[in-house]
Amino acid sequence: MGTYNDLIVFQKADELALQIYKITDSFPKGEIFGITSQLRRASLSIPTNIVEGYARKSKKELKQFINIALGSHAETKYLFNFSKRLRYHNKDSSKSEELIEEVGRMLWGFYRTL
């Protein structure tokens, strides 16, 4: 069955979490316990739920954790867009937006196969 590292959806979710951490580095320091923390936790929750579900070795449990990852993805997408409206992004965020969309499609596709 391989490892979770072999899953493209995990690799993309991991890259998304890394990008979010880098982007939020430039957020206002007053947001460290607010949107910065929440956005980081939501984005990191996507790959960690894939890892945890994959470790369970049961399709039913994996599907449950992918469902949780889908919820974290929705939270990440909302918070990312909200922070963009606040003009917290000081870099071009189009690559991150594309990756958010790609991860969402991949998660949903993975969920449907389980």
C-alpha atoms as a PDB file:
ATOM      1  CA  MET A   1       0.000   0.000   0.000  1.00  0.00           C
ATOM      2  CA  GLY A   2       3.013   2.317   0.309  1.00  0.00           C
ATOM      3  CA  THR A   3       3.200   5.273   2.648  1.00  0.00           C
ATOM      4  CA  TYR A   4       1.310   8.549   2.875  1.00  0.00           C
ATOM      5  CA  ASN A   5       4.399  10.200   1.333  1.00  0.00           C
ATOM      6  CA  ASP A   6       3.532   8.405  -1.913  1.00  0.00           C
ATOM      7  CA  LEU A   7       0.159  10.160  -2.116  1.00  0.00           C
ATOM      8  CA  ILE A   8       0.196  13.176  -4.444  1.00  0.00           C
ATOM      9  CA  VAL A   9      -2.631  14.699  -2.403  1.00  0.00           C
ATOM     10  CA  PHE A  10      -0.430  14.536   0.704  1.00  0.00           C
ATOM     11  CA  GLN A  11       2.527  16.082  -1.144  1.00  0.00           C
ATOM     12  CA  LYS A  12       0.358  18.970  -2.390  1.00  0.00           C
ATOM     13  CA  ALA A  13      -1.253  19.494   1.036  1.00  0.00           C
ATOM     14  CA  ASP A  14       2.194  19.523   2.647  1.00  0.00           C
ATOM     15  CA  GLU A  15       3.382  22.128   0.135  1.00  0.00           C
ATOM     16  CA  LEU A  16       0.276  24.219   0.817  1.00  0.00           C
ATOM     17  CA  ALA A  17       0.917  24.194   4.568  1.00  0.00           C
ATOM     18  CA  LEU A  18       4.519  25.257   3.952  1.00  0.00           C
ATOM     19  CA  GLN A  19       3.395  28.115   1.685  1.00  0.00           C
ATOM     20  CA  ILE A  20       0.846  29.287   4.251  1.00  0.00           C
ATOM     21  CA  TYR A  21       3.515  29.346   6.973  1.00  0.00           C
ATOM     22  CA  LYS A  22       5.757  31.457   4.737  1.00  0.00           C
ATOM     23  CA  ILE A  23       2.949  33.851   3.759  1.00  0.00           C
ATOM     24  CA  THR A  24       1.786  34.345   7.342  1.00  0.00           C
ATOM     25  CA  ASP A  25       5.319  35.309   8.400  1.00  0.00           C
ATOM     26  CA  SER A  26       4.566  38.765   7.029  1.00  0.00           C
ATOM     27  CA  PHE A  27       1.176  39.159   8.734  1.00  0.00           C
ATOM     28  CA  PRO A  28       0.901  41.893  11.385  1.00  0.00           C
ATOM     29  CA  LYS A  29       2.356  40.848  14.732  1.00  0.00           C
ATOM     30  CA  GLY A  30      -0.961  41.760  16.339  1.00  0.00           C
ATOM     31  CA  GLU A  31      -2.485  38.799  14.496  1.00  0.00           C
ATOM     32  CA  ILE A  32      -0.088  36.188  15.895  1.00  0.00           C
ATOM     33  CA  PHE A  33      -2.809  34.769  18.174  1.00  0.00           C
ATOM     34  CA  GLY A  34      -5.595  35.511  15.701  1.00  0.00           C
ATOM     35  CA  ILE A  35      -5.759  34.852  11.998  1.00  0.00           C
ATOM     36  CA  THR A  36      -2.070  33.879  11.702  1.00  0.00           C
ATOM     37  CA  SER A  37      -2.423  31.072  14.218  1.00  0.00           C
ATOM     38  CA  GLN A  38      -5.794  29.921  12.934  1.00  0.00           C
ATOM     39  CA  LEU A  39      -4.721  29.898   9.278  1.00  0.00           C
ATOM     40  CA  ARG A  40      -1.552  27.999  10.104  1.00  0.00           C
ATOM     41  CA  ARG A  41      -3.416  25.404  12.182  1.00  0.00           C
ATOM     42  CA  ALA A  42      -6.097  24.923   9.519  1.00  0.00           C
ATOM     43  CA  SER A  43      -3.576  24.492   6.700  1.00  0.00           C
ATOM     44  CA  LEU A  44      -1.373  22.125   8.706  1.00  0.00           C
ATOM     45  CA  SER A  45      -4.431  20.104   9.672  1.00  0.00           C
ATOM     46  CA  ILE A  46      -4.928  19.044   6.055  1.00  0.00           C
ATOM     47  CA  PRO A  47      -1.732  16.958   5.656  1.00  0.00           C
ATOM     48  CA  THR A  48      -1.750  15.804   9.292  1.00  0.00           C
ATOM     49  CA  ASN A  49      -5.244  14.371   8.911  1.00  0.00           C
ATOM     50  CA  ILE A  50      -4.136  12.565   5.758  1.00  0.00           C
ATOM     51  CA  VAL A  51      -1.212  11.107   7.737  1.00  0.00           C
ATOM     52  CA  GLU A  52      -3.387  10.096  10.674  1.00  0.00           C
ATOM     53  CA  GLY A  53      -6.068   8.548   8.493  1.00  0.00           C
ATOM     54  CA  TYR A  54      -3.513   6.679   6.434  1.00  0.00           C
ATOM     55  CA  ALA A  55      -1.925   5.304   9.605  1.00  0.00           C
ATOM     56  CA  ARG A  56      -5.225   3.752  10.696  1.00  0.00           C
ATOM     57  CA  LYS A  57      -5.050   1.099   7.942  1.00  0.00           C
ATOM     58  CA  SER A  58      -8.818   1.001   7.462  1.00  0.00           C
ATOM     59  CA  LYS A  59     -10.679   2.579   4.561  1.00  0.00           C
ATOM     60  CA  LYS A  60     -13.526   3.645   6.823  1.00  0.00           C
ATOM     61  CA  GLU A  61     -11.219   5.513   9.195  1.00  0.00           C
ATOM     62  CA  LEU A  62      -9.166   6.957   6.328  1.00  0.00           C
ATOM     63  CA  LYS A  63     -12.369   8.304   4.776  1.00  0.00           C
ATOM     64  CA  GLN A  64     -13.305   9.904   8.111  1.00  0.00           C
ATOM     65  CA  PHE A  65      -9.936  11.680   8.349  1.00  0.00           C
ATOM     66  CA  ILE A  66     -10.084  12.806   4.710  1.00  0.00           C
ATOM     67  CA  ASN A  67     -13.503  14.266   5.527  1.00  0.00           C
ATOM     68  CA  ILE A  68     -11.905  16.189   8.408  1.00  0.00           C
ATOM     69  CA  ALA A  69      -9.132  17.331   6.026  1.00  0.00           C
ATOM     70  CA  LEU A  70     -11.833  18.626   3.669  1.00  0.00           C
ATOM     71  CA  GLY A  71     -13.225  20.715   6.529  1.00  0.00           C
ATOM     72  CA  SER A  72      -9.761  22.060   7.314  1.00  0.00           C
ATOM     73  CA  HIS A  73      -9.309  22.849   3.634  1.00  0.00           C
ATOM     74  CA  ALA A  74     -12.540  24.890   3.617  1.00  0.00           C
ATOM     75  CA  GLU A  75     -11.346  26.765   6.716  1.00  0.00           C
ATOM     76  CA  THR A  76      -7.952  27.407   5.106  1.00  0.00           C
ATOM     77  CA  LYS A  77      -9.559  28.706   1.923  1.00  0.00           C
ATOM     78  CA  TYR A  78     -11.850  31.061   3.836  1.00  0.00           C
ATOM     79  CA  LEU A  79      -9.104  32.406   6.120  1.00  0.00           C
ATOM     80  CA  PHE A  80      -6.732  32.854   3.192  1.00  0.00           C
ATOM     81  CA  ASN A  81      -9.336  34.876   1.295  1.00  0.00           C
ATOM     82  CA  PHE A  82     -10.255  36.842   4.420  1.00  0.00           C
ATOM     83  CA  SER A  83      -6.623  37.748   5.067  1.00  0.00           C
ATOM     84  CA  LYS A  84      -6.303  38.755   1.420  1.00  0.00           C
ATOM     85  CA  ARG A  85      -9.243  41.148   1.855  1.00  0.00           C
ATOM     86  CA  LEU A  86      -7.395  42.613   4.834  1.00  0.00           C
ATOM     87  CA  ARG A  87      -4.396  43.094   2.502  1.00  0.00           C
ATOM     88  CA  TYR A  88      -2.149  40.997   4.716  1.00  0.00           C
ATOM     89  CA  HIS A  89      -0.538  39.275   1.724  1.00  0.00           C
ATOM     90  CA  ASN A  90       2.492  41.251   0.658  1.00  0.00           C
ATOM     91  CA  LYS A  91       3.434  38.821  -2.118  1.00  0.00           C
ATOM     92  CA  ASP A  92       1.659  37.581  -5.208  1.00  0.00           C
ATOM     93  CA  SER A  93      -0.692  34.997  -3.767  1.00  0.00           C
ATOM     94  CA  SER A  94      -1.978  33.514  -7.039  1.00  0.00           C
ATOM     95  CA  LYS A  95       0.243  30.408  -6.731  1.00  0.00           C
ATOM     96  CA  SER A  96      -1.117  29.750  -3.258  1.00  0.00           C
ATOM     97  CA  GLU A  97      -4.686  30.294  -4.442  1.00  0.00           C
ATOM     98  CA  GLU A  98      -4.134  27.804  -7.259  1.00  0.00           C
ATOM     99  CA  LEU A  99      -2.648  25.288  -4.821  1.00  0.00           C
ATOM    100  CA  ILE A 100      -5.595  25.721  -2.437  1.00  0.00           C
ATOM    101  CA  GLU A 101      -7.979  24.925  -5.300  1.00  0.00           C
ATOM    102  CA  GLU A 102      -5.868  21.968  -6.474  1.00  0.00           C
ATOM    103  CA  VAL A 103      -5.681  20.463  -2.985  1.00  0.00           C
ATOM    104  CA  GLY A 104      -9.447  20.813  -2.618  1.00  0.00           C
ATOM    105  CA  ARG A 105     -10.110  19.004  -5.904  1.00  0.00           C
ATOM    106  CA  MET A 106      -7.619  16.268  -5.023  1.00  0.00           C
ATOM    107  CA  LEU A 107      -9.025  15.763  -1.524  1.00  0.00           C
ATOM    108  CA  TRP A 108     -12.556  15.516  -2.870  1.00  0.00           C
ATOM    109  CA  GLY A 109     -11.443  13.059  -5.553  1.00  0.00           C
ATOM    110  CA  PHE A 110      -9.583  10.952  -2.998  1.00  0.00           C
ATOM    111  CA  TYR A 111     -12.588  10.987  -0.676  1.00  0.00           C
ATOM    112  CA  ARG A 112     -14.886   9.749  -3.468  1.00  0.00           C
ATOM    113  CA  THR A 113     -12.576   6.804  -4.213  1.00  0.00           C
ATOM    114  CA  LEU A 114     -12.718   5.519  -0.648  1.00  0.00           C
END
